[in-house]
């Protein structure tokens, strides 16, 4: 029934959020917030469905006074590869964890000295071994099978926690 589907969605979402919270390295997320607060620039990179998440996070950071940019275009990723510096933070978002363009951008940022963080729904992402901070969020069960796409809920919650930490650490005071 519709009522059962609604209940299942809410319960599954709550379980995914709980699982993400249990698995999350909170100290590592606090470290990402520290790095972002101190950064000259923050690059938030994602393609396809994750591009919307990158834009959302970058918009929140810009509204807080950070020099942040969402990057979802391959040509722009290539152009930025030589401009990253050790004063920058790179945040990659890939729900699949396997997006070649985002992984390549992560490698370029790491090679130029950026502090790197990565958010994915899959623990086996190559980014887990490449990034300074890797966060694996839990998927909402069955949503992709029904809707054809994954839920962004857990990644959005993690991004919200990052923004909250940055605000608590005084990002607006710069």
C-alpha atoms as a PDB file:
ATOM      1  CA  UNK A   1       0.000   0.000   0.000  1.00  0.00           C
ATOM      2  CA  UNK A   2       1.006   3.623  -0.263  1.00  0.00           C
ATOM      3  CA  UNK A   3       1.008   3.894   3.512  1.00  0.00           C
ATOM      4  CA  UNK A   4       3.350   0.891   3.819  1.00  0.00           C
ATOM      5  CA  UNK A   5       5.678   2.337   1.161  1.00  0.00           C
ATOM      6  CA  UNK A   6       5.859   5.660   3.017  1.00  0.00           C
ATOM      7  CA  UNK A   7       6.582   3.930   6.313  1.00  0.00           C
ATOM      8  CA  UNK A   8       9.208   1.712   4.719  1.00  0.00           C
ATOM      9  CA  UNK A   9      10.947   4.741   3.175  1.00  0.00           C
ATOM     10  CA  UNK A  10      11.071   6.603   6.477  1.00  0.00           C
ATOM     11  CA  UNK A  11      12.247   3.595   8.483  1.00  0.00           C
ATOM     12  CA  UNK A  12      14.872   2.728   5.873  1.00  0.00           C
ATOM     13  CA  UNK A  13      16.091   6.345   5.851  1.00  0.00           C
ATOM     14  CA  UNK A  14      16.375   6.419   9.631  1.00  0.00           C
ATOM     15  CA  UNK A  15      18.316   3.148   9.597  1.00  0.00           C
ATOM     16  CA  UNK A  16      20.679   4.461   6.903  1.00  0.00           C
ATOM     17  CA  UNK A  17      21.314   7.627   8.920  1.00  0.00           C
ATOM     18  CA  UNK A  18      21.970   5.575  12.067  1.00  0.00           C
ATOM     19  CA  UNK A  19      24.337   3.256  10.185  1.00  0.00           C
ATOM     20  CA  UNK A  20      26.211   6.235   8.716  1.00  0.00           C
ATOM     21  CA  UNK A  21      26.563   7.838  12.139  1.00  0.00           C
ATOM     22  CA  UNK A  22      27.830   4.590  13.703  1.00  0.00           C
ATOM     23  CA  UNK A  23      30.452   4.079  10.991  1.00  0.00           C
ATOM     24  CA  UNK A  24      31.572   7.707  10.722  1.00  0.00           C
ATOM     25  CA  UNK A  25      34.931   8.747  12.102  1.00  0.00           C
ATOM     26  CA  UNK A  26      33.777  11.896  13.882  1.00  0.00           C
ATOM     27  CA  UNK A  27      37.296  13.041  14.687  1.00  0.00           C
ATOM     28  CA  UNK A  28      38.178  12.810  11.003  1.00  0.00           C
ATOM     29  CA  UNK A  29      35.112  14.897  10.084  1.00  0.00           C
ATOM     30  CA  UNK A  30      36.178  17.497  12.677  1.00  0.00           C
ATOM     31  CA  UNK A  31      39.647  17.493  11.072  1.00  0.00           C
ATOM     32  CA  UNK A  32      38.083  18.112   7.633  1.00  0.00           C
ATOM     33  CA  UNK A  33      36.186  21.055   9.152  1.00  0.00           C
ATOM     34  CA  UNK A  34      39.452  22.435  10.597  1.00  0.00           C
ATOM     35  CA  UNK A  35      41.167  22.086   7.206  1.00  0.00           C
ATOM     36  CA  UNK A  36      38.251  23.809   5.455  1.00  0.00           C
ATOM     37  CA  UNK A  37      38.212  26.685   7.940  1.00  0.00           C
ATOM     38  CA  UNK A  38      41.940  27.262   7.350  1.00  0.00           C
ATOM     39  CA  UNK A  39      41.819  26.725   3.566  1.00  0.00           C
ATOM     40  CA  UNK A  40      42.355  29.418   0.968  1.00  0.00           C
ATOM     41  CA  UNK A  41      39.987  27.640  -1.414  1.00  0.00           C
ATOM     42  CA  UNK A  42      37.680  24.659  -1.230  1.00  0.00           C
ATOM     43  CA  UNK A  43      36.944  22.646  -4.351  1.00  0.00           C
ATOM     44  CA  UNK A  44      33.900  20.382  -4.175  1.00  0.00           C
ATOM     45  CA  UNK A  45      33.927  17.921  -7.068  1.00  0.00           C
ATOM     46  CA  UNK A  46      31.207  15.593  -8.291  1.00  0.00           C
ATOM     47  CA  UNK A  47      29.747  14.486 -11.609  1.00  0.00           C
ATOM     48  CA  UNK A  48      26.394  13.188 -12.767  1.00  0.00           C
ATOM     49  CA  UNK A  49      24.067  12.701  -9.775  1.00  0.00           C
ATOM     50  CA  UNK A  50      26.800  13.734  -7.359  1.00  0.00           C
ATOM     51  CA  UNK A  51      27.211  17.101  -9.126  1.00  0.00           C
ATOM     52  CA  UNK A  52      24.040  18.325  -7.418  1.00  0.00           C
ATOM     53  CA  UNK A  53      25.515  17.388  -4.050  1.00  0.00           C
ATOM     54  CA  UNK A  54      28.769  19.202  -4.895  1.00  0.00           C
ATOM     55  CA  UNK A  55      26.830  22.307  -5.893  1.00  0.00           C
ATOM     56  CA  UNK A  56      24.757  22.170  -2.719  1.00  0.00           C
ATOM     57  CA  UNK A  57      27.820  21.932  -0.455  1.00  0.00           C
ATOM     58  CA  UNK A  58      29.747  24.621  -2.338  1.00  0.00           C
ATOM     59  CA  UNK A  59      26.736  26.957  -2.144  1.00  0.00           C
ATOM     60  CA  UNK A  60      26.508  26.473   1.624  1.00  0.00           C
ATOM     61  CA  UNK A  61      30.228  27.146   2.009  1.00  0.00           C
ATOM     62  CA  UNK A  62      30.099  30.275  -0.144  1.00  0.00           C
ATOM     63  CA  UNK A  63      27.152  31.574   1.885  1.00  0.00           C
ATOM     64  CA  UNK A  64      29.329  31.139   4.994  1.00  0.00           C
ATOM     65  CA  UNK A  65      32.064  33.290   3.472  1.00  0.00           C
ATOM     66  CA  UNK A  66      34.369  30.559   2.161  1.00  0.00           C
ATOM     67  CA  UNK A  67      36.031  30.693  -1.226  1.00  0.00           C
ATOM     68  CA  UNK A  68      34.391  27.503  -2.488  1.00  0.00           C
ATOM     69  CA  UNK A  69      33.663  26.201  -5.955  1.00  0.00           C
ATOM     70  CA  UNK A  70      31.628  23.256  -7.223  1.00  0.00           C
ATOM     71  CA  UNK A  71      33.288  21.498 -10.140  1.00  0.00           C
ATOM     72  CA  UNK A  72      31.394  19.024 -12.285  1.00  0.00           C
ATOM     73  CA  UNK A  73      32.857  19.606 -15.726  1.00  0.00           C
ATOM     74  CA  UNK A  74      35.751  17.449 -16.917  1.00  0.00           C
ATOM     75  CA  UNK A  75      37.408  20.313 -18.797  1.00  0.00           C
ATOM     76  CA  UNK A  76      37.309  22.441 -15.640  1.00  0.00           C
ATOM     77  CA  UNK A  77      38.761  19.562 -13.613  1.00  0.00           C
ATOM     78  CA  UNK A  78      41.635  19.335 -16.089  1.00  0.00           C
ATOM     79  CA  UNK A  79      42.167  23.109 -16.019  1.00  0.00           C
ATOM     80  CA  UNK A  80      42.279  23.156 -12.212  1.00  0.00           C
ATOM     81  CA  UNK A  81      44.703  20.227 -11.950  1.00  0.00           C
ATOM     82  CA  UNK A  82      47.725  22.534 -12.137  1.00  0.00           C
ATOM     83  CA  UNK A  83      46.221  25.199  -9.873  1.00  0.00           C
ATOM     84  CA  UNK A  84      45.576  23.207  -6.711  1.00  0.00           C
ATOM     85  CA  UNK A  85      47.895  24.062  -3.815  1.00  0.00           C
ATOM     86  CA  UNK A  86      48.678  22.942  -0.294  1.00  0.00           C
ATOM     87  CA  UNK A  87      46.489  25.795   0.953  1.00  0.00           C
ATOM     88  CA  UNK A  88      43.402  24.261  -0.682  1.00  0.00           C
ATOM     89  CA  UNK A  89      40.943  21.562   0.308  1.00  0.00           C
ATOM     90  CA  UNK A  90      39.509  19.120  -2.214  1.00  0.00           C
ATOM     91  CA  UNK A  91      36.225  17.366  -1.375  1.00  0.00           C
ATOM     92  CA  UNK A  92      35.199  14.660  -3.830  1.00  0.00           C
ATOM     93  CA  UNK A  93      31.699  13.250  -3.884  1.00  0.00           C
ATOM     94  CA  UNK A  94      30.825  10.095  -5.774  1.00  0.00           C
ATOM     95  CA  UNK A  95      27.907   7.972  -4.674  1.00  0.00           C
ATOM     96  CA  UNK A  96      29.357   5.027  -6.593  1.00  0.00           C
ATOM     97  CA  UNK A  97      32.878   5.810  -5.414  1.00  0.00           C
ATOM     98  CA  UNK A  98      34.178   4.842  -8.833  1.00  0.00           C
ATOM     99  CA  UNK A  99      33.706   7.895 -11.022  1.00  0.00           C
ATOM    100  CA  UNK A 100      36.940   8.031 -13.022  1.00  0.00           C
ATOM    101  CA  UNK A 101      36.735  11.796 -13.497  1.00  0.00           C
ATOM    102  CA  UNK A 102      36.373  12.456  -9.765  1.00  0.00           C
ATOM    103  CA  UNK A 103      39.059   9.913  -8.835  1.00  0.00           C
ATOM    104  CA  UNK A 104      41.440  11.493 -11.382  1.00  0.00           C
ATOM    105  CA  UNK A 105      40.687  14.956  -9.969  1.00  0.00           C
ATOM    106  CA  UNK A 106      41.354  13.590  -6.460  1.00  0.00           C
ATOM    107  CA  UNK A 107      44.734  12.257  -7.597  1.00  0.00           C
ATOM    108  CA  UNK A 108      45.621  15.616  -9.181  1.00  0.00           C
ATOM    109  CA  UNK A 109      44.640  17.524  -6.040  1.00  0.00           C
ATOM    110  CA  UNK A 110      46.606  15.135  -3.824  1.00  0.00           C
ATOM    111  CA  UNK A 111      49.671  15.447  -6.074  1.00  0.00           C
ATOM    112  CA  UNK A 112      49.570  19.242  -5.691  1.00  0.00           C
ATOM    113  CA  UNK A 113      49.392  19.069  -1.885  1.00  0.00           C
ATOM    114  CA  UNK A 114      45.693  19.629  -1.259  1.00  0.00           C
ATOM    115  CA  UNK A 115      44.113  18.202   1.842  1.00  0.00           C
ATOM    116  CA  UNK A 116      41.640  15.731   0.362  1.00  0.00           C
ATOM    117  CA  UNK A 117      38.351  14.346   1.605  1.00  0.00           C
ATOM    118  CA  UNK A 118      35.995  11.999  -0.192  1.00  0.00           C
ATOM    119  CA  UNK A 119      32.372  10.975   0.379  1.00  0.00           C
ATOM    120  CA  UNK A 120      30.867   7.835  -1.145  1.00  0.00           C
ATOM    121  CA  UNK A 121      28.205   5.212  -0.561  1.00  0.00           C
ATOM    122  CA  UNK A 122      30.701   2.390  -1.162  1.00  0.00           C
ATOM    123  CA  UNK A 123      33.505   1.387   1.173  1.00  0.00           C
ATOM    124  CA  UNK A 124      35.511  -0.255  -1.628  1.00  0.00           C
ATOM    125  CA  UNK A 125      36.002   3.003  -3.499  1.00  0.00           C
ATOM    126  CA  UNK A 126      39.575   3.568  -4.706  1.00  0.00           C
ATOM    127  CA  UNK A 127      39.273   6.962  -2.990  1.00  0.00           C
ATOM    128  CA  UNK A 128      39.378   5.275   0.409  1.00  0.00           C
ATOM    129  CA  UNK A 129      43.108   4.624  -0.056  1.00  0.00           C
ATOM    130  CA  UNK A 130      43.855   7.913  -1.843  1.00  0.00           C
ATOM    131  CA  UNK A 131      42.201  10.589   0.280  1.00  0.00           C
ATOM    132  CA  UNK A 132      43.243  12.036   3.635  1.00  0.00           C
ATOM    133  CA  UNK A 133      39.705  11.539   4.916  1.00  0.00           C
ATOM    134  CA  UNK A 134      37.221   9.043   3.483  1.00  0.00           C
ATOM    135  CA  UNK A 135      33.578   8.812   4.536  1.00  0.00           C
ATOM    136  CA  UNK A 136      31.333   5.951   3.542  1.00  0.00           C
ATOM    137  CA  UNK A 137      27.656   6.689   3.938  1.00  0.00           C
ATOM    138  CA  UNK A 138      24.940   4.077   4.110  1.00  0.00           C
ATOM    139  CA  UNK A 139      22.453   3.633   1.283  1.00  0.00           C
ATOM    140  CA  UNK A 140      18.719   3.775   1.790  1.00  0.00           C
ATOM    141  CA  UNK A 141      17.578   0.213   1.036  1.00  0.00           C
ATOM    142  CA  UNK A 142      15.520  -0.499  -2.081  1.00  0.00           C
ATOM    143  CA  UNK A 143      15.246   3.120  -3.249  1.00  0.00           C
ATOM    144  CA  UNK A 144      17.484   2.643  -6.293  1.00  0.00           C
ATOM    145  CA  UNK A 145      15.561  -0.461  -7.343  1.00  0.00           C
ATOM    146  CA  UNK A 146      12.301   1.488  -7.355  1.00  0.00           C
ATOM    147  CA  UNK A 147      13.313   4.998  -8.429  1.00  0.00           C
ATOM    148  CA  UNK A 148      16.376   4.250 -10.559  1.00  0.00           C
ATOM    149  CA  UNK A 149      18.637   6.433  -8.412  1.00  0.00           C
ATOM    150  CA  UNK A 150      20.081   6.389  -4.940  1.00  0.00           C
ATOM    151  CA  UNK A 151      18.949   8.606  -2.119  1.00  0.00           C
ATOM    152  CA  UNK A 152      21.196  11.550  -1.238  1.00  0.00           C
ATOM    153  CA  UNK A 153      19.923  11.683   2.342  1.00  0.00           C
ATOM    154  CA  UNK A 154      22.942  10.282   4.167  1.00  0.00           C
ATOM    155  CA  UNK A 155      25.460  12.282   2.143  1.00  0.00           C
ATOM    156  CA  UNK A 156      23.424  15.439   2.761  1.00  0.00           C
ATOM    157  CA  UNK A 157      23.409  14.692   6.496  1.00  0.00           C
ATOM    158  CA  UNK A 158      27.198  14.279   6.488  1.00  0.00           C
ATOM    159  CA  UNK A 159      27.603  17.530   4.550  1.00  0.00           C
ATOM    160  CA  UNK A 160      25.279  19.244   7.045  1.00  0.00           C
ATOM    161  CA  UNK A 161      27.448  18.034   9.924  1.00  0.00           C
ATOM    162  CA  UNK A 162      30.558  19.399   8.180  1.00  0.00           C
ATOM    163  CA  UNK A 163      28.934  22.811   7.670  1.00  0.00           C
ATOM    164  CA  UNK A 164      27.791  22.861  11.305  1.00  0.00           C
ATOM    165  CA  UNK A 165      31.296  22.047  12.541  1.00  0.00           C
ATOM    166  CA  UNK A 166      32.778  24.763  10.366  1.00  0.00           C
ATOM    167  CA  UNK A 167      30.282  27.305  11.706  1.00  0.00           C
ATOM    168  CA  UNK A 168      31.101  26.255  15.291  1.00  0.00           C
ATOM    169  CA  UNK A 169      34.814  26.659  14.557  1.00  0.00           C
ATOM    170  CA  UNK A 170      34.277  30.231  13.455  1.00  0.00           C
ATOM    171  CA  UNK A 171      34.436  30.079   9.674  1.00  0.00           C
ATOM    172  CA  UNK A 172      32.527  33.365   9.461  1.00  0.00           C
ATOM    173  CA  UNK A 173      35.158  35.144  11.573  1.00  0.00           C
ATOM    174  CA  UNK A 174      37.788  35.121   8.817  1.00  0.00           C
END
